[in-house]
Amino acid sequence: MSTRTDFLLWLWIGAALLFSAVVAPTLFAVLPTRALAGLVVGRVLPVIFWSGVVVGAFALATHSGWRRGAAALILLTALGAQLGVAPRILALRAELGPNIESIARDDPRRVAFGRWHGVSVALLGAGLMAAAAIAIAGLVSRTSPPASTR
């Protein structure tokens, strides 16, 4: 186990949750257009995803057993979101123009945009759950008495 890596996991979890639960919804609520909010979100998400890649790589290098598998999941979900999903979302945003809300809801491009957005959210959620599992297990192992005293 690595205390430093677990600290990085907690830091990434906090940043990703703060962004997902507070910053992104606030941007969509207070900025004058959803398009502007989407542009800001699109600039911040790569930071979240690339930092997830880094944290996942550190955790992969410093953990073993099931934690290593969870670390691989963090790494793969962050890479998948950044390199697989984000380019598709950017391409669809370019096709749809600055005001996605003006496009018919059943337009195949808007439907695809919504679908890819859902995949991005799911990938981030899966990475966060894997990171939380490792981080919580690290806390439990540090606070549990040794097996011989239980």
N, C-alpha and C. Protein backbone atom coordinates (compact mmCIF):
# COMPACT_ATOMS: atom_id res chain seq x y z
N MET A 1 0.83 -1.20 0.00
CA MET A 1 0.00 0.00 0.00
C MET A 1 0.87 1.26 0.00
N SER A 2 0.36 2.28 -0.60
CA SER A 2 1.11 3.53 -0.66
C SER A 2 0.26 4.66 -0.11
N THR A 3 0.72 5.26 0.96
CA THR A 3 0.01 6.38 1.56
C THR A 3 -0.05 7.56 0.59
N ARG A 4 1.05 7.80 -0.12
CA ARG A 4 1.06 8.91 -1.09
C ARG A 4 0.06 8.68 -2.21
N THR A 5 0.03 7.46 -2.71
CA THR A 5 -0.92 7.16 -3.78
C THR A 5 -2.34 7.27 -3.27
N ASP A 6 -2.60 6.79 -2.07
CA ASP A 6 -3.94 6.92 -1.51
C ASP A 6 -4.32 8.38 -1.34
N PHE A 7 -3.36 9.22 -0.96
CA PHE A 7 -3.63 10.66 -0.87
C PHE A 7 -4.01 11.21 -2.24
N LEU A 8 -3.28 10.80 -3.27
CA LEU A 8 -3.60 11.24 -4.64
C LEU A 8 -4.99 10.76 -5.04
N LEU A 9 -5.33 9.54 -4.67
CA LEU A 9 -6.67 9.02 -4.97
C LEU A 9 -7.74 9.91 -4.32
N TRP A 10 -7.57 10.21 -3.02
CA TRP A 10 -8.53 11.06 -2.33
C TRP A 10 -8.60 12.45 -2.97
N LEU A 11 -7.47 12.97 -3.36
CA LEU A 11 -7.44 14.28 -4.01
C LEU A 11 -8.22 14.25 -5.33
N TRP A 12 -7.98 13.22 -6.13
CA TRP A 12 -8.68 13.09 -7.41
C TRP A 12 -10.17 12.88 -7.21
N ILE A 13 -10.52 12.04 -6.25
CA ILE A 13 -11.94 11.81 -5.94
C ILE A 13 -12.61 13.14 -5.58
N GLY A 14 -11.96 13.90 -4.71
CA GLY A 14 -12.53 15.19 -4.31
C GLY A 14 -12.68 16.14 -5.47
N ALA A 15 -11.66 16.23 -6.31
CA ALA A 15 -11.73 17.14 -7.46
C ALA A 15 -12.82 16.72 -8.43
N ALA A 16 -12.89 15.43 -8.74
CA ALA A 16 -13.88 14.94 -9.69
C ALA A 16 -15.30 15.10 -9.14
N LEU A 17 -15.48 14.82 -7.85
CA LEU A 17 -16.82 14.99 -7.25
C LEU A 17 -17.21 16.45 -7.17
N LEU A 18 -16.28 17.30 -6.77
CA LEU A 18 -16.58 18.73 -6.71
C LEU A 18 -16.98 19.25 -8.09
N PHE A 19 -16.22 18.86 -9.10
CA PHE A 19 -16.54 19.31 -10.45
C PHE A 19 -17.90 18.78 -10.89
N SER A 20 -18.12 17.48 -10.71
CA SER A 20 -19.35 16.84 -11.19
C SER A 20 -20.60 17.28 -10.44
N ALA A 21 -20.48 17.40 -9.13
CA ALA A 21 -21.67 17.67 -8.31
C ALA A 21 -21.93 19.15 -8.06
N VAL A 22 -20.88 19.98 -8.18
CA VAL A 22 -21.06 21.39 -7.84
C VAL A 22 -20.75 22.32 -9.02
N VAL A 23 -19.54 22.20 -9.56
CA VAL A 23 -19.10 23.17 -10.56
C VAL A 23 -19.90 23.06 -11.86
N ALA A 24 -19.99 21.87 -12.43
CA ALA A 24 -20.70 21.74 -13.71
C ALA A 24 -22.17 22.16 -13.60
N PRO A 25 -22.92 21.66 -12.60
CA PRO A 25 -24.31 22.11 -12.50
C PRO A 25 -24.43 23.62 -12.28
N THR A 26 -23.51 24.20 -11.53
CA THR A 26 -23.53 25.64 -11.29
C THR A 26 -23.29 26.41 -12.58
N LEU A 27 -22.34 25.95 -13.38
CA LEU A 27 -22.07 26.62 -14.65
C LEU A 27 -23.32 26.63 -15.53
N PHE A 28 -24.01 25.50 -15.60
CA PHE A 28 -25.22 25.44 -16.43
C PHE A 28 -26.35 26.28 -15.84
N ALA A 29 -26.32 26.48 -14.53
CA ALA A 29 -27.38 27.27 -13.89
C ALA A 29 -27.14 28.78 -14.00
N VAL A 30 -25.88 29.23 -13.98
CA VAL A 30 -25.65 30.67 -13.88
C VAL A 30 -25.11 31.34 -15.14
N LEU A 31 -24.48 30.60 -16.01
CA LEU A 31 -23.97 31.25 -17.23
C LEU A 31 -25.13 31.56 -18.16
N PRO A 32 -24.97 32.58 -19.00
CA PRO A 32 -26.09 33.04 -19.82
C PRO A 32 -26.59 32.02 -20.85
N THR A 33 -25.72 31.11 -21.30
CA THR A 33 -26.17 30.10 -22.25
C THR A 33 -25.60 28.73 -21.87
N ARG A 34 -26.35 27.70 -22.23
CA ARG A 34 -25.87 26.33 -22.00
C ARG A 34 -24.63 26.06 -22.86
N ALA A 35 -24.57 26.70 -24.03
CA ALA A 35 -23.42 26.51 -24.91
C ALA A 35 -22.14 27.01 -24.22
N LEU A 36 -22.23 28.16 -23.57
CA LEU A 36 -21.07 28.69 -22.86
C LEU A 36 -20.68 27.78 -21.70
N ALA A 37 -21.67 27.32 -20.96
CA ALA A 37 -21.39 26.39 -19.86
C ALA A 37 -20.73 25.12 -20.39
N GLY A 38 -21.22 24.62 -21.51
CA GLY A 38 -20.63 23.42 -22.12
C GLY A 38 -19.19 23.63 -22.54
N LEU A 39 -18.88 24.83 -23.03
CA LEU A 39 -17.50 25.13 -23.40
C LEU A 39 -16.57 25.12 -22.19
N VAL A 40 -17.04 25.69 -21.08
CA VAL A 40 -16.22 25.69 -19.87
C VAL A 40 -16.03 24.27 -19.35
N VAL A 41 -17.12 23.52 -19.29
CA VAL A 41 -17.04 22.12 -18.84
C VAL A 41 -16.08 21.35 -19.74
N GLY A 42 -16.16 21.59 -21.04
CA GLY A 42 -15.28 20.91 -21.98
C GLY A 42 -13.81 21.25 -21.81
N ARG A 43 -13.53 22.39 -21.20
CA ARG A 43 -12.12 22.76 -20.93
C ARG A 43 -11.61 22.15 -19.63
N VAL A 44 -12.51 21.91 -18.69
CA VAL A 44 -12.11 21.38 -17.38
C VAL A 44 -12.05 19.86 -17.37
N LEU A 45 -12.96 19.21 -18.06
CA LEU A 45 -13.00 17.74 -18.04
C LEU A 45 -11.68 17.07 -18.42
N PRO A 46 -10.96 17.57 -19.42
CA PRO A 46 -9.67 16.93 -19.72
C PRO A 46 -8.71 16.92 -18.52
N VAL A 47 -8.76 17.94 -17.71
CA VAL A 47 -7.91 17.98 -16.51
C VAL A 47 -8.31 16.85 -15.57
N ILE A 48 -9.61 16.66 -15.40
CA ILE A 48 -10.10 15.58 -14.53
C ILE A 48 -9.69 14.22 -15.12
N PHE A 49 -9.89 14.05 -16.42
CA PHE A 49 -9.58 12.75 -17.02
C PHE A 49 -8.08 12.46 -17.03
N TRP A 50 -7.25 13.44 -17.44
CA TRP A 50 -5.80 13.19 -17.47
C TRP A 50 -5.24 12.98 -16.07
N SER A 51 -5.77 13.70 -15.09
CA SER A 51 -5.31 13.45 -13.72
C SER A 51 -5.76 12.07 -13.25
N GLY A 52 -6.90 11.59 -13.72
CA GLY A 52 -7.32 10.23 -13.43
C GLY A 52 -6.37 9.20 -14.03
N VAL A 53 -5.86 9.49 -15.22
CA VAL A 53 -4.86 8.61 -15.84
C VAL A 53 -3.62 8.54 -14.96
N VAL A 54 -3.15 9.70 -14.51
CA VAL A 54 -1.94 9.75 -13.67
C VAL A 54 -2.16 9.02 -12.35
N VAL A 55 -3.27 9.32 -11.69
CA VAL A 55 -3.57 8.69 -10.41
C VAL A 55 -3.73 7.18 -10.59
N GLY A 56 -4.43 6.78 -11.63
CA GLY A 56 -4.60 5.36 -11.90
C GLY A 56 -3.27 4.66 -12.15
N ALA A 57 -2.38 5.32 -12.87
CA ALA A 57 -1.06 4.74 -13.14
C ALA A 57 -0.25 4.60 -11.86
N PHE A 58 -0.28 5.62 -11.00
CA PHE A 58 0.43 5.52 -9.72
C PHE A 58 -0.15 4.40 -8.87
N ALA A 59 -1.46 4.31 -8.83
CA ALA A 59 -2.10 3.26 -8.03
C ALA A 59 -1.78 1.88 -8.61
N LEU A 60 -1.73 1.77 -9.91
CA LEU A 60 -1.38 0.51 -10.56
C LEU A 60 0.04 0.09 -10.19
N ALA A 61 0.93 1.06 -10.10
CA ALA A 61 2.33 0.76 -9.79
C ALA A 61 2.57 0.46 -8.31
N THR A 62 1.67 0.91 -7.44
CA THR A 62 1.95 0.78 -6.01
C THR A 62 1.03 -0.18 -5.26
N HIS A 63 0.01 -0.68 -5.92
CA HIS A 63 -0.93 -1.59 -5.25
C HIS A 63 -0.85 -2.98 -5.85
N SER A 64 -1.42 -3.92 -5.13
CA SER A 64 -1.45 -5.31 -5.62
C SER A 64 -2.84 -5.88 -5.39
N GLY A 65 -3.05 -7.10 -5.86
CA GLY A 65 -4.32 -7.78 -5.66
C GLY A 65 -5.47 -7.06 -6.35
N TRP A 66 -6.62 -7.10 -5.69
CA TRP A 66 -7.81 -6.48 -6.28
C TRP A 66 -7.62 -4.97 -6.45
N ARG A 67 -6.81 -4.36 -5.59
CA ARG A 67 -6.57 -2.91 -5.72
C ARG A 67 -5.87 -2.59 -7.04
N ARG A 68 -5.03 -3.48 -7.47
CA ARG A 68 -4.36 -3.30 -8.77
C ARG A 68 -5.39 -3.33 -9.91
N GLY A 69 -6.34 -4.24 -9.81
CA GLY A 69 -7.41 -4.29 -10.81
C GLY A 69 -8.26 -3.03 -10.80
N ALA A 70 -8.56 -2.53 -9.61
CA ALA A 70 -9.33 -1.28 -9.50
C ALA A 70 -8.54 -0.11 -10.06
N ALA A 71 -7.22 -0.12 -9.81
CA ALA A 71 -6.37 0.94 -10.36
C ALA A 71 -6.37 0.91 -11.88
N ALA A 72 -6.32 -0.29 -12.44
CA ALA A 72 -6.39 -0.43 -13.90
C ALA A 72 -7.72 0.13 -14.42
N LEU A 73 -8.78 -0.09 -13.67
CA LEU A 73 -10.09 0.43 -14.07
C LEU A 73 -10.08 1.97 -14.08
N ILE A 74 -9.47 2.57 -13.07
CA ILE A 74 -9.36 4.04 -13.04
C ILE A 74 -8.63 4.52 -14.29
N LEU A 75 -7.50 3.91 -14.55
CA LEU A 75 -6.67 4.29 -15.69
C LEU A 75 -7.44 4.12 -17.00
N LEU A 76 -8.07 2.97 -17.18
CA LEU A 76 -8.76 2.69 -18.45
C LEU A 76 -10.01 3.56 -18.64
N THR A 77 -10.76 3.80 -17.57
CA THR A 77 -11.95 4.64 -17.74
C THR A 77 -11.56 6.08 -18.06
N ALA A 78 -10.52 6.58 -17.41
CA ALA A 78 -10.08 7.95 -17.69
C ALA A 78 -9.55 8.07 -19.12
N LEU A 79 -8.75 7.08 -19.53
CA LEU A 79 -8.24 7.10 -20.91
C LEU A 79 -9.38 6.97 -21.92
N GLY A 80 -10.31 6.07 -21.64
CA GLY A 80 -11.45 5.89 -22.54
C GLY A 80 -12.28 7.15 -22.68
N ALA A 81 -12.51 7.82 -21.55
CA ALA A 81 -13.30 9.05 -21.59
C ALA A 81 -12.58 10.15 -22.36
N GLN A 82 -11.28 10.29 -22.11
CA GLN A 82 -10.52 11.37 -22.74
C GLN A 82 -10.20 11.10 -24.21
N LEU A 83 -9.77 9.89 -24.50
CA LEU A 83 -9.31 9.60 -25.87
C LEU A 83 -10.39 8.98 -26.77
N GLY A 84 -11.38 8.35 -26.15
CA GLY A 84 -12.42 7.70 -26.94
C GLY A 84 -13.70 8.50 -27.04
N VAL A 85 -14.18 8.99 -25.91
CA VAL A 85 -15.48 9.66 -25.87
C VAL A 85 -15.36 11.16 -26.16
N ALA A 86 -14.44 11.84 -25.52
CA ALA A 86 -14.33 13.29 -25.68
C ALA A 86 -14.20 13.74 -27.14
N PRO A 87 -13.37 13.07 -27.96
CA PRO A 87 -13.30 13.51 -29.36
C PRO A 87 -14.63 13.38 -30.10
N ARG A 88 -15.40 12.36 -29.77
CA ARG A 88 -16.72 12.20 -30.41
C ARG A 88 -17.66 13.31 -29.99
N ILE A 89 -17.62 13.65 -28.70
CA ILE A 89 -18.47 14.73 -28.20
C ILE A 89 -18.07 16.06 -28.85
N LEU A 90 -16.78 16.31 -28.95
CA LEU A 90 -16.32 17.56 -29.59
C LEU A 90 -16.75 17.63 -31.05
N ALA A 91 -16.65 16.52 -31.75
CA ALA A 91 -17.06 16.50 -33.16
C ALA A 91 -18.56 16.76 -33.29
N LEU A 92 -19.34 16.15 -32.42
CA LEU A 92 -20.79 16.37 -32.47
C LEU A 92 -21.14 17.81 -32.10
N ARG A 93 -20.43 18.38 -31.11
CA ARG A 93 -20.68 19.78 -30.76
C ARG A 93 -20.40 20.69 -31.96
N ALA A 94 -19.34 20.40 -32.69
CA ALA A 94 -19.02 21.21 -33.87
C ALA A 94 -20.12 21.08 -34.93
N GLU A 95 -20.63 19.87 -35.12
CA GLU A 95 -21.71 19.66 -36.09
C GLU A 95 -23.00 20.34 -35.68
N LEU A 96 -23.29 20.30 -34.38
CA LEU A 96 -24.55 20.82 -33.88
C LEU A 96 -24.56 22.34 -33.76
N GLY A 97 -23.39 22.95 -33.73
CA GLY A 97 -23.32 24.40 -33.60
C GLY A 97 -23.37 24.83 -32.14
N PRO A 98 -23.33 26.14 -31.94
CA PRO A 98 -23.20 26.65 -30.58
C PRO A 98 -24.44 26.44 -29.70
N ASN A 99 -25.61 26.28 -30.29
CA ASN A 99 -26.83 26.18 -29.50
C ASN A 99 -27.49 24.82 -29.70
N ILE A 100 -27.02 23.86 -28.95
CA ILE A 100 -27.56 22.50 -29.06
C ILE A 100 -29.05 22.48 -28.74
N GLU A 101 -29.48 23.35 -27.84
CA GLU A 101 -30.89 23.38 -27.42
C GLU A 101 -31.82 23.70 -28.59
N SER A 102 -31.32 24.36 -29.64
CA SER A 102 -32.17 24.70 -30.77
C SER A 102 -32.33 23.54 -31.75
N ILE A 103 -31.57 22.49 -31.57
CA ILE A 103 -31.65 21.31 -32.45
C ILE A 103 -32.76 20.40 -31.94
N ALA A 104 -33.53 19.86 -32.85
CA ALA A 104 -34.63 18.96 -32.47
C ALA A 104 -34.11 17.81 -31.61
N ARG A 105 -34.87 17.46 -30.59
CA ARG A 105 -34.45 16.40 -29.66
C ARG A 105 -34.27 15.05 -30.35
N ASP A 106 -34.97 14.83 -31.44
CA ASP A 106 -34.85 13.54 -32.12
C ASP A 106 -33.83 13.57 -33.26
N ASP A 107 -33.12 14.68 -33.41
CA ASP A 107 -32.05 14.75 -34.41
C ASP A 107 -30.99 13.71 -34.03
N PRO A 108 -30.59 12.87 -34.98
CA PRO A 108 -29.64 11.80 -34.66
C PRO A 108 -28.33 12.31 -34.04
N ARG A 109 -27.90 13.49 -34.44
CA ARG A 109 -26.67 14.04 -33.86
C ARG A 109 -26.86 14.42 -32.40
N ARG A 110 -28.01 15.00 -32.09
CA ARG A 110 -28.29 15.36 -30.70
C ARG A 110 -28.48 14.11 -29.85
N VAL A 111 -29.13 13.11 -30.41
CA VAL A 111 -29.29 11.84 -29.69
C VAL A 111 -27.92 11.22 -29.43
N ALA A 112 -27.06 11.23 -30.45
CA ALA A 112 -25.70 10.69 -30.28
C ALA A 112 -24.92 11.48 -29.24
N PHE A 113 -25.08 12.80 -29.25
CA PHE A 113 -24.41 13.64 -28.26
C PHE A 113 -24.83 13.22 -26.85
N GLY A 114 -26.13 13.07 -26.65
CA GLY A 114 -26.64 12.65 -25.35
C GLY A 114 -26.12 11.28 -24.94
N ARG A 115 -26.05 10.39 -25.90
CA ARG A 115 -25.56 9.04 -25.62
C ARG A 115 -24.09 9.08 -25.21
N TRP A 116 -23.27 9.81 -25.97
CA TRP A 116 -21.84 9.90 -25.63
C TRP A 116 -21.62 10.63 -24.31
N HIS A 117 -22.45 11.62 -24.02
CA HIS A 117 -22.37 12.30 -22.73
C HIS A 117 -22.64 11.28 -21.61
N GLY A 118 -23.64 10.44 -21.80
CA GLY A 118 -23.95 9.40 -20.82
C GLY A 118 -22.80 8.43 -20.62
N VAL A 119 -22.14 8.07 -21.72
CA VAL A 119 -20.97 7.17 -21.62
C VAL A 119 -19.86 7.85 -20.83
N SER A 120 -19.64 9.13 -21.08
CA SER A 120 -18.62 9.88 -20.36
C SER A 120 -18.91 9.91 -18.86
N VAL A 121 -20.15 10.18 -18.51
CA VAL A 121 -20.55 10.21 -17.10
C VAL A 121 -20.37 8.82 -16.48
N ALA A 122 -20.75 7.79 -17.20
CA ALA A 122 -20.61 6.42 -16.68
C ALA A 122 -19.15 6.05 -16.47
N LEU A 123 -18.30 6.43 -17.40
CA LEU A 123 -16.87 6.14 -17.25
C LEU A 123 -16.28 6.86 -16.04
N LEU A 124 -16.62 8.13 -15.88
CA LEU A 124 -16.13 8.87 -14.73
C LEU A 124 -16.66 8.24 -13.44
N GLY A 125 -17.92 7.87 -13.44
CA GLY A 125 -18.50 7.24 -12.26
C GLY A 125 -17.83 5.92 -11.91
N ALA A 126 -17.54 5.11 -12.92
CA ALA A 126 -16.87 3.83 -12.67
C ALA A 126 -15.46 4.06 -12.12
N GLY A 127 -14.75 5.02 -12.70
CA GLY A 127 -13.41 5.35 -12.20
C GLY A 127 -13.45 5.86 -10.77
N LEU A 128 -14.45 6.69 -10.47
CA LEU A 128 -14.58 7.20 -9.11
C LEU A 128 -14.89 6.09 -8.11
N MET A 129 -15.74 5.16 -8.49
CA MET A 129 -16.05 4.04 -7.59
C MET A 129 -14.83 3.17 -7.34
N ALA A 130 -14.04 2.94 -8.39
CA ALA A 130 -12.82 2.16 -8.22
C ALA A 130 -11.84 2.89 -7.31
N ALA A 131 -11.70 4.19 -7.51
CA ALA A 131 -10.79 4.99 -6.67
C ALA A 131 -11.28 4.99 -5.22
N ALA A 132 -12.58 5.13 -5.03
CA ALA A 132 -13.12 5.14 -3.67
C ALA A 132 -12.90 3.79 -2.99
N ALA A 133 -13.06 2.71 -3.73
CA ALA A 133 -12.84 1.38 -3.14
C ALA A 133 -11.41 1.24 -2.63
N ILE A 134 -10.44 1.65 -3.45
CA ILE A 134 -9.03 1.57 -3.03
C ILE A 134 -8.78 2.49 -1.84
N ALA A 135 -9.26 3.72 -1.92
CA ALA A 135 -8.99 4.71 -0.87
C ALA A 135 -9.64 4.30 0.46
N ILE A 136 -10.87 3.82 0.41
CA ILE A 136 -11.55 3.39 1.63
C ILE A 136 -10.86 2.16 2.21
N ALA A 137 -10.48 1.23 1.35
CA ALA A 137 -9.75 0.04 1.84
C ALA A 137 -8.45 0.46 2.51
N GLY A 138 -7.80 1.48 1.98
CA GLY A 138 -6.57 1.98 2.60
C GLY A 138 -6.84 2.54 3.99
N LEU A 139 -7.94 3.27 4.13
CA LEU A 139 -8.30 3.81 5.45
C LEU A 139 -8.61 2.68 6.43
N VAL A 140 -9.37 1.72 5.99
CA VAL A 140 -9.76 0.60 6.85
C VAL A 140 -8.54 -0.18 7.29
N SER A 141 -7.61 -0.42 6.37
CA SER A 141 -6.43 -1.21 6.73
C SER A 141 -5.53 -0.45 7.70
N ARG A 142 -5.57 0.87 7.67
CA ARG A 142 -4.73 1.64 8.59
C ARG A 142 -5.37 1.76 9.97
N THR A 143 -6.70 1.62 10.04
CA THR A 143 -7.39 1.78 11.32
C THR A 143 -7.78 0.47 11.97
N SER A 144 -7.69 -0.64 11.23
CA SER A 144 -8.04 -1.95 11.79
C SER A 144 -6.90 -2.48 12.63
N PRO A 145 -7.23 -3.15 13.74
CA PRO A 145 -6.16 -3.78 14.52
C PRO A 145 -5.59 -4.96 13.75
N PRO A 146 -4.34 -5.32 14.03
CA PRO A 146 -3.75 -6.47 13.36
C PRO A 146 -4.61 -7.72 13.59
N ALA A 147 -4.56 -8.66 12.65
CA ALA A 147 -5.38 -9.87 12.71
C ALA A 147 -5.18 -10.63 14.00
N SER A 148 -3.99 -10.61 14.57
CA SER A 148 -3.70 -11.38 15.77
C SER A 148 -4.40 -10.81 17.02
N THR A 149 -4.84 -9.55 16.98
CA THR A 149 -5.49 -8.96 18.15
C THR A 149 -7.00 -8.88 18.02
N ARG A 150 -7.54 -9.33 16.90
CA ARG A 150 -9.00 -9.28 16.71
C ARG A 150 -9.68 -10.37 17.44
